[in-house]
Each structure stands twice: as structure tokens, then as C-alpha cells.
Amino acid sequence: MLSATAGATAVLAMGALTVTFSDVSTAEPPEPAPPGPVTTSEATTGVTITETVAPEAPATSAVVPPITTTPSAIPPTAEQP
């Protein structure tokens, strides 16, 4: 119990010393910002943006496979006698 009391007293003492030696006072108002225009740059994300217009028609035509034979129901090699 004695060590707990000593620890709590030490914490309170350090808090009191921090308030005593700090330069911030609640009675003093903060310094106002200097007058004048503030110049900022545009925020960037590092991404390059390219603006293009979509084409009216696709660049490629439809592909038609070169089938020369007509389809059959059963291939000739699969027929049973």
C-alpha cells in the first residue's frame, strides 16, 4: 500500500511540475495568424490522367471462324456397325 501511495504522489508531483514549467497559459490568447493571402498548391495523388474520347465504332471487326464443312450428328469414326 505504501508503494502505491508513493507512486500516485510521484505522478501528481510530475503533473504539477509540468504545469508550472510549461510556457502555455490559459489566460493568454494564442497569437493570431499573420495577415495576407495564403498560397497553396493543388493537391496531387501521383496518378497521371489522360482524357480521351471514346471511338464511335470498335477498332476490330467481328471474327468469323473458317469452317468449310457442314456439321453432322455423329462423326464417321464413332459409328457402330
N, C-alpha and C. Protein backbone atom coordinates (compact mmCIF):
# COMPACT_ATOMS: atom_id res chain seq x y z
N MET A 1 0.83 -1.19 0.00
CA MET A 1 0.00 0.00 0.00
C MET A 1 0.87 1.26 0.00
N LEU A 2 1.98 1.16 0.67
CA LEU A 2 2.88 2.31 0.76
C LEU A 2 3.48 2.66 -0.60
N SER A 3 3.82 1.61 -1.39
CA SER A 3 4.41 1.89 -2.71
C SER A 3 3.36 2.48 -3.66
N ALA A 4 2.11 2.08 -3.53
CA ALA A 4 1.06 2.65 -4.36
C ALA A 4 0.86 4.12 -4.04
N THR A 5 0.92 4.47 -2.78
CA THR A 5 0.79 5.88 -2.36
C THR A 5 1.96 6.70 -2.87
N ALA A 6 3.15 6.14 -2.80
CA ALA A 6 4.34 6.85 -3.28
C ALA A 6 4.27 7.03 -4.79
N GLY A 7 3.79 6.03 -5.53
CA GLY A 7 3.67 6.15 -6.98
C GLY A 7 2.65 7.19 -7.39
N ALA A 8 1.50 7.21 -6.71
CA ALA A 8 0.47 8.21 -7.02
C ALA A 8 0.96 9.61 -6.69
N THR A 9 1.69 9.76 -5.61
CA THR A 9 2.23 11.07 -5.24
C THR A 9 3.25 11.53 -6.28
N ALA A 10 4.06 10.61 -6.78
CA ALA A 10 5.05 10.97 -7.79
C ALA A 10 4.37 11.42 -9.08
N VAL A 11 3.30 10.74 -9.48
CA VAL A 11 2.58 11.13 -10.69
C VAL A 11 1.98 12.52 -10.52
N LEU A 12 1.38 12.79 -9.38
CA LEU A 12 0.80 14.12 -9.14
C LEU A 12 1.88 15.20 -9.11
N ALA A 13 3.03 14.90 -8.54
CA ALA A 13 4.12 15.88 -8.48
C ALA A 13 4.64 16.18 -9.88
N MET A 14 4.78 15.16 -10.72
CA MET A 14 5.26 15.40 -12.08
C MET A 14 4.24 16.22 -12.88
N GLY A 15 2.97 15.97 -12.66
CA GLY A 15 1.94 16.77 -13.32
C GLY A 15 2.00 18.22 -12.89
N ALA A 16 2.20 18.46 -11.62
CA ALA A 16 2.29 19.83 -11.11
C ALA A 16 3.53 20.53 -11.66
N LEU A 17 4.65 19.82 -11.75
CA LEU A 17 5.86 20.42 -12.30
C LEU A 17 5.69 20.71 -13.80
N THR A 18 4.99 19.86 -14.51
CA THR A 18 4.77 20.09 -15.93
C THR A 18 3.95 21.35 -16.15
N VAL A 19 2.91 21.52 -15.37
CA VAL A 19 2.08 22.73 -15.49
C VAL A 19 2.88 23.96 -15.08
N THR A 20 3.72 23.85 -14.07
CA THR A 20 4.50 25.01 -13.59
C THR A 20 5.52 25.46 -14.61
N PHE A 21 6.23 24.53 -15.23
CA PHE A 21 7.30 24.90 -16.13
C PHE A 21 6.88 25.05 -17.59
N SER A 22 5.65 24.80 -17.92
CA SER A 22 5.22 24.94 -19.31
C SER A 22 5.00 26.40 -19.65
N ASP A 23 5.17 26.77 -20.92
CA ASP A 23 5.02 28.15 -21.37
C ASP A 23 3.59 28.51 -21.73
N VAL A 24 2.70 27.54 -21.79
CA VAL A 24 1.33 27.78 -22.20
C VAL A 24 0.52 28.22 -20.99
N SER A 25 -0.24 29.27 -21.17
CA SER A 25 -1.10 29.77 -20.11
C SER A 25 -2.51 29.91 -20.65
N THR A 26 -3.51 29.57 -19.84
CA THR A 26 -4.89 29.68 -20.29
C THR A 26 -5.35 31.13 -20.29
N ALA A 27 -4.65 32.02 -19.60
CA ALA A 27 -5.03 33.43 -19.55
C ALA A 27 -4.60 34.18 -20.79
N GLU A 28 -3.54 33.70 -21.47
CA GLU A 28 -3.05 34.39 -22.66
C GLU A 28 -3.72 33.82 -23.92
N PRO A 29 -4.27 34.71 -24.76
CA PRO A 29 -4.85 34.20 -26.01
C PRO A 29 -3.74 33.80 -26.98
N PRO A 30 -4.00 32.87 -27.87
CA PRO A 30 -2.96 32.46 -28.83
C PRO A 30 -2.66 33.58 -29.82
N GLU A 31 -1.45 33.54 -30.38
CA GLU A 31 -1.06 34.55 -31.35
C GLU A 31 -1.87 34.40 -32.63
N PRO A 32 -2.39 35.52 -33.16
CA PRO A 32 -3.15 35.41 -34.41
C PRO A 32 -2.23 35.13 -35.59
N ALA A 33 -2.80 34.58 -36.63
CA ALA A 33 -2.04 34.30 -37.84
C ALA A 33 -1.68 35.61 -38.53
N PRO A 34 -0.53 35.66 -39.20
CA PRO A 34 -0.16 36.90 -39.88
C PRO A 34 -1.12 37.20 -41.04
N PRO A 35 -1.39 38.48 -41.28
CA PRO A 35 -2.31 38.83 -42.37
C PRO A 35 -1.67 38.59 -43.73
N GLY A 36 -2.52 38.46 -44.74
CA GLY A 36 -2.02 38.30 -46.10
C GLY A 36 -2.62 37.07 -46.75
N PRO A 37 -2.47 37.00 -48.05
CA PRO A 37 -3.04 35.85 -48.75
C PRO A 37 -2.24 34.58 -48.47
N VAL A 38 -2.93 33.50 -48.45
CA VAL A 38 -2.31 32.21 -48.25
C VAL A 38 -2.27 31.49 -49.59
N THR A 39 -1.09 31.15 -50.04
CA THR A 39 -0.97 30.47 -51.33
C THR A 39 -0.78 28.99 -51.07
N THR A 40 -1.58 28.19 -51.77
CA THR A 40 -1.47 26.74 -51.66
C THR A 40 -1.36 26.16 -53.06
N SER A 41 -0.77 25.00 -53.16
CA SER A 41 -0.69 24.33 -54.45
C SER A 41 -1.81 23.30 -54.53
N GLU A 42 -2.14 22.91 -55.75
CA GLU A 42 -3.19 21.92 -55.96
C GLU A 42 -2.73 20.56 -55.45
N ALA A 43 -3.61 19.87 -54.75
CA ALA A 43 -3.27 18.55 -54.22
C ALA A 43 -3.14 17.54 -55.36
N THR A 44 -2.12 16.72 -55.29
CA THR A 44 -1.93 15.71 -56.32
C THR A 44 -1.90 14.33 -55.67
N THR A 45 -2.29 13.31 -56.44
CA THR A 45 -2.29 11.95 -55.94
C THR A 45 -1.20 11.11 -56.57
N GLY A 46 -0.47 11.66 -57.52
CA GLY A 46 0.58 10.91 -58.18
C GLY A 46 0.09 10.09 -59.35
N VAL A 47 -1.19 10.21 -59.69
CA VAL A 47 -1.76 9.44 -60.78
C VAL A 47 -1.84 10.33 -62.01
N THR A 48 -1.41 9.82 -63.15
CA THR A 48 -1.49 10.56 -64.40
C THR A 48 -2.84 10.30 -65.04
N ILE A 49 -3.55 11.34 -65.40
CA ILE A 49 -4.87 11.21 -66.00
C ILE A 49 -4.78 11.65 -67.46
N THR A 50 -5.25 10.79 -68.36
CA THR A 50 -5.28 11.10 -69.78
C THR A 50 -6.75 11.10 -70.21
N GLU A 51 -7.21 12.22 -70.71
CA GLU A 51 -8.60 12.31 -71.14
C GLU A 51 -8.68 12.07 -72.64
N THR A 52 -9.46 11.05 -73.06
CA THR A 52 -9.66 10.73 -74.47
C THR A 52 -11.15 10.57 -74.72
N VAL A 53 -11.52 10.65 -75.98
CA VAL A 53 -12.90 10.48 -76.39
C VAL A 53 -13.07 9.04 -76.87
N ALA A 54 -14.18 8.41 -76.49
CA ALA A 54 -14.44 7.03 -76.90
C ALA A 54 -14.71 6.98 -78.39
N PRO A 55 -14.22 5.95 -79.10
CA PRO A 55 -14.46 5.85 -80.54
C PRO A 55 -15.93 5.52 -80.83
N GLU A 56 -16.39 5.94 -82.01
CA GLU A 56 -17.77 5.68 -82.42
C GLU A 56 -18.00 4.19 -82.66
N ALA A 57 -17.05 3.50 -83.29
CA ALA A 57 -17.19 2.08 -83.59
C ALA A 57 -15.96 1.35 -83.05
N PRO A 58 -16.08 0.05 -82.78
CA PRO A 58 -14.89 -0.68 -82.30
C PRO A 58 -13.81 -0.74 -83.36
N ALA A 59 -12.58 -0.85 -82.90
CA ALA A 59 -11.44 -0.85 -83.82
C ALA A 59 -11.32 -2.16 -84.57
N THR A 60 -11.90 -3.26 -84.06
CA THR A 60 -11.81 -4.55 -84.74
C THR A 60 -13.19 -4.97 -85.22
N SER A 61 -13.21 -5.81 -86.25
CA SER A 61 -14.48 -6.34 -86.76
C SER A 61 -14.76 -7.68 -86.10
N ALA A 62 -15.97 -8.20 -86.32
CA ALA A 62 -16.33 -9.50 -85.76
C ALA A 62 -15.53 -10.59 -86.45
N VAL A 63 -15.10 -11.58 -85.70
CA VAL A 63 -14.29 -12.67 -86.24
C VAL A 63 -15.21 -13.83 -86.60
N VAL A 64 -15.05 -14.34 -87.82
CA VAL A 64 -15.83 -15.49 -88.30
C VAL A 64 -14.86 -16.65 -88.47
N PRO A 65 -15.14 -17.81 -87.83
CA PRO A 65 -14.22 -18.94 -87.96
C PRO A 65 -14.28 -19.54 -89.36
N PRO A 66 -13.17 -20.03 -89.86
CA PRO A 66 -13.13 -20.58 -91.21
C PRO A 66 -13.62 -22.04 -91.27
N ILE A 67 -14.91 -22.28 -91.06
CA ILE A 67 -15.48 -23.63 -91.13
C ILE A 67 -15.86 -23.91 -92.58
N THR A 68 -15.35 -25.02 -93.14
CA THR A 68 -15.64 -25.34 -94.54
C THR A 68 -16.56 -26.55 -94.67
N THR A 69 -16.77 -27.32 -93.61
CA THR A 69 -17.63 -28.50 -93.69
C THR A 69 -18.92 -28.25 -92.94
N THR A 70 -19.94 -29.02 -93.30
CA THR A 70 -21.22 -28.89 -92.60
C THR A 70 -21.19 -29.79 -91.37
N PRO A 71 -21.86 -29.40 -90.30
CA PRO A 71 -21.85 -30.25 -89.10
C PRO A 71 -22.67 -31.52 -89.32
N SER A 72 -22.29 -32.60 -88.67
CA SER A 72 -23.03 -33.86 -88.76
C SER A 72 -23.41 -34.30 -87.35
N ALA A 73 -24.40 -35.17 -87.27
CA ALA A 73 -24.88 -35.63 -85.96
C ALA A 73 -23.87 -36.55 -85.31
N ILE A 74 -23.33 -37.52 -86.05
CA ILE A 74 -22.37 -38.48 -85.50
C ILE A 74 -21.13 -38.48 -86.37
N PRO A 75 -19.96 -38.32 -85.79
CA PRO A 75 -18.74 -38.38 -86.61
C PRO A 75 -18.60 -39.75 -87.24
N PRO A 76 -18.01 -39.84 -88.44
CA PRO A 76 -17.89 -41.14 -89.12
C PRO A 76 -17.09 -42.16 -88.34
N THR A 77 -16.14 -41.79 -87.52
CA THR A 77 -15.32 -42.76 -86.78
C THR A 77 -16.05 -43.30 -85.56
N ALA A 78 -17.14 -42.68 -85.13
CA ALA A 78 -17.85 -43.13 -83.95
C ALA A 78 -19.04 -44.02 -84.29
N GLU A 79 -19.31 -44.27 -85.57
CA GLU A 79 -20.47 -45.10 -85.94
C GLU A 79 -20.22 -46.56 -85.59
N GLN A 80 -21.22 -47.25 -85.08
CA GLN A 80 -21.16 -48.66 -84.71
C GLN A 80 -21.79 -49.50 -85.84
N PRO A 81 -21.23 -50.65 -86.23
CA PRO A 81 -21.85 -51.48 -87.27
C PRO A 81 -23.06 -52.24 -86.77
